[in-house]
Amino acid sequence: MKAIILSAGQGRRLLPLTEQRPKAALAVGPRAVLEWQLHEIGQCTVDEVVVVTGFGADYIDAIVAGQHAVPARTLYNPFYAACDNLGTCWVARHEMTAPFVVINGDTLFEAAILQRLLDDAARAPITLVTDSKAGYDADDMKVVVADGRLRRVGKQLDLARVTGESIGMMHFDARGARRFREQVDYMMRHGSGLKQWYLSAIDTLAGEDIVTTCAIDGLSWGEIDDRADLERAASIVAAWRPARRPHTPAAS
């Protein structure tokens, strides 16, 4: 099982913290964001991690080289400044051989979330991890689920139909991997693929009835977009097991 972490972005909403250091290399408590991810992945049935880098790639390379939680390597996206994460997936498409998991580089999660996805993933070609809460704002990647299948995923959805949100993690089997690669390639060749999220491809594939969801209500995770998220992330990881010293220094 391979995990692919999309960490090519800068995180401009966290400036000036990310003026040189990418968001994935910022400190959350005693570890950088990426270090937390690799630590939690290392507790699951994952054999290898590929971290796709871009902005501040040297920082990510150092974190990957210095950690021992799970076998990991980096893949550089030289076009990171010109594309969103659908373009990053296109750069990494040759790594997307089933089975594999895609994880957003700014999502902190406890190991139980990833393991639940891996245990639950045999039900469909593509499985998207979702959570639910009382209300959703414009920045949430919202989902519509009906009859056990994903029907829509996106930020601009009718709130009356929304049933949850994506946390930025999904699993692909052989059929799902093939269709995802095909859809990403099509969107990069036609239209505005450079400026789209990879979940736009999943939104399209949901129409083929091949995407299901894995609910993780009650488990601990957090997305880091801005300073408030970074502060919340510190309280999230503080509730996890006692942390070892980080392998590489990280800026706060």
Protein backbone atom coordinates (compact mmCIF):
# COMPACT_ATOMS: atom_id res chain seq x y z
CA MET A 1 0.00 0.00 0.00
CA LYS A 2 1.33 3.40 -1.02
CA ALA A 3 0.35 6.79 0.39
CA ILE A 4 0.83 9.91 -1.74
CA ILE A 5 0.92 13.20 0.18
CA LEU A 6 0.31 16.37 -1.83
CA SER A 7 2.65 18.96 -0.30
CA ALA A 8 3.60 21.19 -3.23
CA GLY A 9 1.84 24.35 -2.06
CA GLN A 10 3.11 27.33 -0.13
CA GLY A 11 0.15 28.15 2.10
CA ARG A 12 -0.11 31.87 1.35
CA ARG A 13 -2.85 32.43 3.93
CA LEU A 14 -0.21 31.68 6.57
CA LEU A 15 2.21 34.39 5.45
CA PRO A 16 4.66 35.53 6.75
CA LEU A 17 5.20 32.10 8.36
CA THR A 18 5.31 30.55 4.90
CA GLU A 19 7.43 33.19 3.21
CA GLN A 20 10.20 30.64 2.76
CA ARG A 21 9.04 27.53 4.60
CA PRO A 22 6.08 25.59 3.14
CA LYS A 23 2.98 24.97 5.21
CA ALA A 24 3.78 21.27 5.61
CA ALA A 25 7.05 22.20 7.35
CA LEU A 26 5.47 24.49 9.98
CA ALA A 27 5.55 23.33 13.58
CA VAL A 28 2.46 22.06 15.34
CA GLY A 29 3.66 21.42 18.87
CA PRO A 30 6.89 19.39 18.81
CA ARG A 31 6.63 18.23 15.18
CA ALA A 32 6.18 19.73 11.74
CA VAL A 33 2.86 19.05 9.99
CA LEU A 34 4.48 16.51 7.65
CA GLU A 35 6.24 14.80 10.56
CA TRP A 36 2.88 14.28 12.27
CA GLN A 37 1.49 12.80 9.06
CA LEU A 38 4.39 10.39 8.59
CA HIS A 39 4.27 9.41 12.27
CA GLU A 40 0.58 8.51 12.07
CA ILE A 41 0.93 6.78 8.68
CA GLY A 42 3.72 4.68 10.17
CA GLN A 43 1.22 3.11 12.57
CA CYS A 44 -0.96 1.86 9.69
CA THR A 45 -0.65 -0.85 7.04
CA VAL A 46 1.20 1.41 4.58
CA ASP A 47 4.47 0.25 2.99
CA GLU A 48 5.65 3.44 1.30
CA VAL A 49 4.98 7.17 1.20
CA VAL A 50 5.62 9.52 -1.72
CA VAL A 51 5.55 13.21 -0.76
CA VAL A 52 4.99 15.47 -3.77
CA THR A 53 6.89 18.71 -3.20
CA GLY A 54 7.05 22.13 -4.81
CA PHE A 55 7.44 25.37 -2.87
CA GLY A 56 10.24 25.08 -0.31
CA ALA A 57 11.05 21.55 -1.46
CA ASP A 58 14.35 21.48 0.45
CA TYR A 59 12.48 21.75 3.75
CA ILE A 60 10.27 18.79 2.84
CA ASP A 61 13.26 16.77 1.61
CA ALA A 62 14.96 17.32 4.98
CA ILE A 63 11.92 16.19 6.95
CA VAL A 64 11.51 13.06 4.83
CA ALA A 65 15.23 12.21 5.06
CA GLY A 66 15.28 12.72 8.83
CA GLN A 67 12.26 10.66 9.83
CA HIS A 68 12.11 6.92 10.48
CA ALA A 69 8.38 6.32 10.94
CA VAL A 70 7.76 4.89 7.46
CA PRO A 71 9.75 4.40 4.22
CA ALA A 72 9.31 7.66 2.31
CA ARG A 73 10.70 9.61 -0.62
CA THR A 74 9.90 12.86 -2.41
CA LEU A 75 8.80 13.76 -5.92
CA TYR A 76 9.27 17.34 -7.11
CA ASN A 77 6.58 19.20 -9.04
CA PRO A 78 8.46 21.93 -10.97
CA PHE A 79 5.15 23.49 -12.04
CA TYR A 80 3.81 24.05 -8.52
CA ALA A 81 3.57 27.83 -8.91
CA ALA A 82 1.40 27.50 -12.02
CA CYS A 83 -1.07 24.84 -10.87
CA ASP A 84 -3.38 23.74 -8.08
CA ASN A 85 -3.37 20.21 -6.68
CA LEU A 86 -4.98 18.62 -9.73
CA GLY A 87 -1.79 19.55 -11.59
CA THR A 88 0.25 18.07 -8.74
CA CYS A 89 -1.69 14.81 -9.15
CA TRP A 90 -0.92 14.89 -12.88
CA VAL A 91 2.81 15.16 -12.12
CA ALA A 92 2.49 12.18 -9.76
CA ARG A 93 0.21 10.10 -11.98
CA HIS A 94 2.90 7.46 -12.65
CA GLU A 95 2.99 6.81 -8.89
CA MET A 96 -0.76 6.17 -8.78
CA THR A 97 -0.69 2.40 -9.13
CA ALA A 98 -3.28 0.59 -7.05
CA PRO A 99 -3.80 0.30 -4.25
CA PHE A 100 -2.90 3.76 -3.03
CA VAL A 101 -4.12 6.57 -0.80
CA VAL A 102 -4.02 10.32 -1.52
CA ILE A 103 -3.67 12.67 1.45
CA ASN A 104 -3.70 16.47 1.45
CA GLY A 105 -0.46 17.94 2.77
CA ASP A 106 -2.30 20.24 5.18
CA THR A 107 -4.47 17.62 6.88
CA LEU A 108 -3.53 16.44 10.36
CA PHE A 109 -5.14 13.12 11.30
CA GLU A 110 -4.81 10.42 13.91
CA ALA A 111 -3.75 6.98 12.70
CA ALA A 112 -7.18 5.51 13.41
CA ILE A 113 -8.66 7.56 10.55
CA LEU A 114 -6.29 6.20 7.93
CA GLN A 115 -6.60 2.65 9.24
CA ARG A 116 -10.39 2.87 9.13
CA LEU A 117 -10.16 3.94 5.49
CA LEU A 118 -7.83 1.04 4.66
CA ASP A 119 -10.10 -1.43 6.43
CA ASP A 120 -13.20 -0.03 4.69
CA ALA A 121 -11.85 0.52 1.20
CA ALA A 122 -12.85 -2.76 -0.47
CA ARG A 123 -16.42 -1.58 -1.00
CA ALA A 124 -15.82 0.64 -4.06
CA PRO A 125 -13.16 1.65 -6.61
CA ILE A 126 -12.71 5.02 -4.85
CA THR A 127 -13.40 5.74 -1.18
CA LEU A 128 -13.47 9.29 0.18
CA VAL A 129 -13.06 9.99 3.91
CA THR A 130 -15.77 12.29 5.27
CA ASP A 131 -16.75 13.90 8.54
CA SER A 132 -19.88 15.78 9.59
CA LYS A 133 -20.68 18.78 11.77
CA ALA A 134 -23.56 21.10 12.59
CA GLY A 135 -22.87 23.66 9.83
CA TYR A 136 -20.56 24.33 6.89
CA ASP A 137 -18.90 27.48 5.60
CA ALA A 138 -17.72 28.58 2.17
CA ASP A 139 -14.23 27.13 2.71
CA ASP A 140 -15.39 23.59 3.55
CA MET A 141 -15.06 20.93 0.84
CA LYS A 142 -18.64 19.74 1.17
CA VAL A 143 -20.12 16.40 0.06
CA VAL A 144 -23.50 15.01 -0.86
CA VAL A 145 -23.92 11.30 -0.12
CA ALA A 146 -27.02 9.27 -1.02
CA ASP A 147 -27.68 5.53 -1.09
CA GLY A 148 -24.19 4.89 0.21
CA ARG A 149 -22.49 6.63 -2.72
CA LEU A 150 -20.85 10.00 -3.19
CA ARG A 151 -23.02 12.17 -5.45
CA ARG A 152 -21.17 15.51 -5.30
CA VAL A 153 -18.07 17.03 -3.75
CA GLY A 154 -17.15 20.71 -3.90
CA LYS A 155 -17.22 24.03 -2.09
CA GLN A 156 -20.16 25.47 -4.02
CA LEU A 157 -22.93 23.01 -3.15
CA ASP A 158 -26.53 23.51 -2.02
CA LEU A 159 -26.33 23.45 1.78
CA ALA A 160 -29.76 21.88 1.93
CA ARG A 161 -28.30 18.77 0.31
CA VAL A 162 -24.91 18.68 2.05
CA THR A 163 -24.34 15.65 4.29
CA GLY A 164 -20.72 16.15 5.33
CA GLU A 165 -17.27 17.31 4.27
CA SER A 166 -14.16 15.77 2.75
CA ILE A 167 -11.09 15.74 5.01
CA GLY A 168 -8.67 15.40 2.07
CA MET A 169 -7.97 11.65 2.14
CA MET A 170 -9.10 8.86 -0.22
CA HIS A 171 -8.31 5.31 -1.34
CA PHE A 172 -8.15 3.91 -4.88
CA ASP A 173 -8.27 0.30 -6.06
CA ALA A 174 -7.13 -0.72 -9.57
CA ARG A 175 -10.30 0.45 -11.34
CA GLY A 176 -10.48 3.65 -9.33
CA ALA A 177 -6.81 4.40 -9.97
CA ARG A 178 -7.22 3.95 -13.71
CA ARG A 179 -10.31 6.16 -13.92
CA PHE A 180 -8.74 8.84 -11.72
CA ARG A 181 -5.59 8.99 -13.85
CA GLU A 182 -7.70 9.17 -16.99
CA GLN A 183 -9.88 11.96 -15.60
CA VAL A 184 -6.93 13.98 -14.31
CA ASP A 185 -5.20 13.67 -17.68
CA TYR A 186 -8.38 14.71 -19.53
CA MET A 187 -8.88 17.76 -17.32
CA MET A 188 -5.25 18.83 -17.76
CA ARG A 189 -5.55 18.55 -21.55
CA HIS A 190 -8.94 20.26 -21.84
CA GLY A 191 -10.23 23.33 -20.05
CA SER A 192 -8.75 24.87 -16.91
CA GLY A 193 -7.14 21.86 -15.24
CA LEU A 194 -4.17 23.88 -14.00
CA LYS A 195 -6.43 25.89 -11.69
CA GLN A 196 -8.60 23.06 -10.38
CA TRP A 197 -8.56 20.87 -7.29
CA TYR A 198 -8.21 17.12 -7.74
CA LEU A 199 -11.56 16.74 -6.00
CA SER A 200 -13.07 18.26 -9.16
CA ALA A 201 -12.06 15.02 -10.85
CA ILE A 202 -13.68 13.02 -8.05
CA ASP A 203 -16.86 15.09 -8.43
CA THR A 204 -17.00 14.02 -12.07
CA LEU A 205 -16.27 10.37 -11.29
CA ALA A 206 -19.03 10.35 -8.66
CA GLY A 207 -21.43 10.46 -11.60
CA GLU A 208 -20.19 7.00 -12.62
CA ASP A 209 -21.35 5.54 -9.28
CA ILE A 210 -17.85 4.36 -8.37
CA VAL A 211 -17.15 6.55 -5.32
CA THR A 212 -18.24 5.68 -1.81
CA THR A 213 -17.41 7.33 1.51
CA CYS A 214 -15.82 6.35 4.80
CA ALA A 215 -17.27 8.28 7.76
CA ILE A 216 -14.91 9.04 10.63
CA ASP A 217 -17.25 10.88 13.00
CA GLY A 218 -15.67 11.19 16.44
CA LEU A 219 -12.07 10.72 15.29
CA SER A 220 -9.54 13.55 15.46
CA TRP A 221 -8.31 15.59 12.49
CA GLY A 222 -7.81 19.17 11.34
CA GLU A 223 -7.11 21.09 8.15
CA ILE A 224 -4.56 23.91 8.31
CA ASP A 225 -5.33 26.90 6.11
CA ASP A 226 -4.70 29.94 8.33
CA ARG A 227 -3.38 31.06 11.73
CA ALA A 228 -6.58 30.07 13.55
CA ASP A 229 -6.34 26.57 12.06
CA LEU A 230 -2.70 26.35 13.12
CA GLU A 231 -3.65 27.21 16.70
CA ARG A 232 -6.47 24.64 16.69
CA ALA A 233 -4.07 22.04 15.30
CA ALA A 234 -1.80 22.48 18.32
CA SER A 235 -4.69 21.62 20.63
CA ILE A 236 -5.61 18.61 18.48
CA VAL A 237 -2.16 17.01 18.63
CA ALA A 238 -1.82 17.84 22.33
CA ALA A 239 -4.61 15.34 22.96
CA TRP A 240 -2.74 12.57 21.14
CA ARG A 241 -0.04 10.33 22.64
CA PRO A 242 3.09 11.94 24.12
CA ALA A 243 5.28 13.13 21.26
CA ARG A 244 8.92 12.23 20.70
CA ARG A 245 11.38 14.96 19.84
CA PRO A 246 11.09 16.00 16.18
CA HIS A 247 13.72 14.76 13.78
CA THR A 248 14.13 18.17 12.14
CA PRO A 249 13.65 21.68 13.52
CA ALA A 250 10.46 23.42 12.46
CA ALA A 251 9.49 27.07 12.64
CA SER A 252 6.46 28.13 14.61
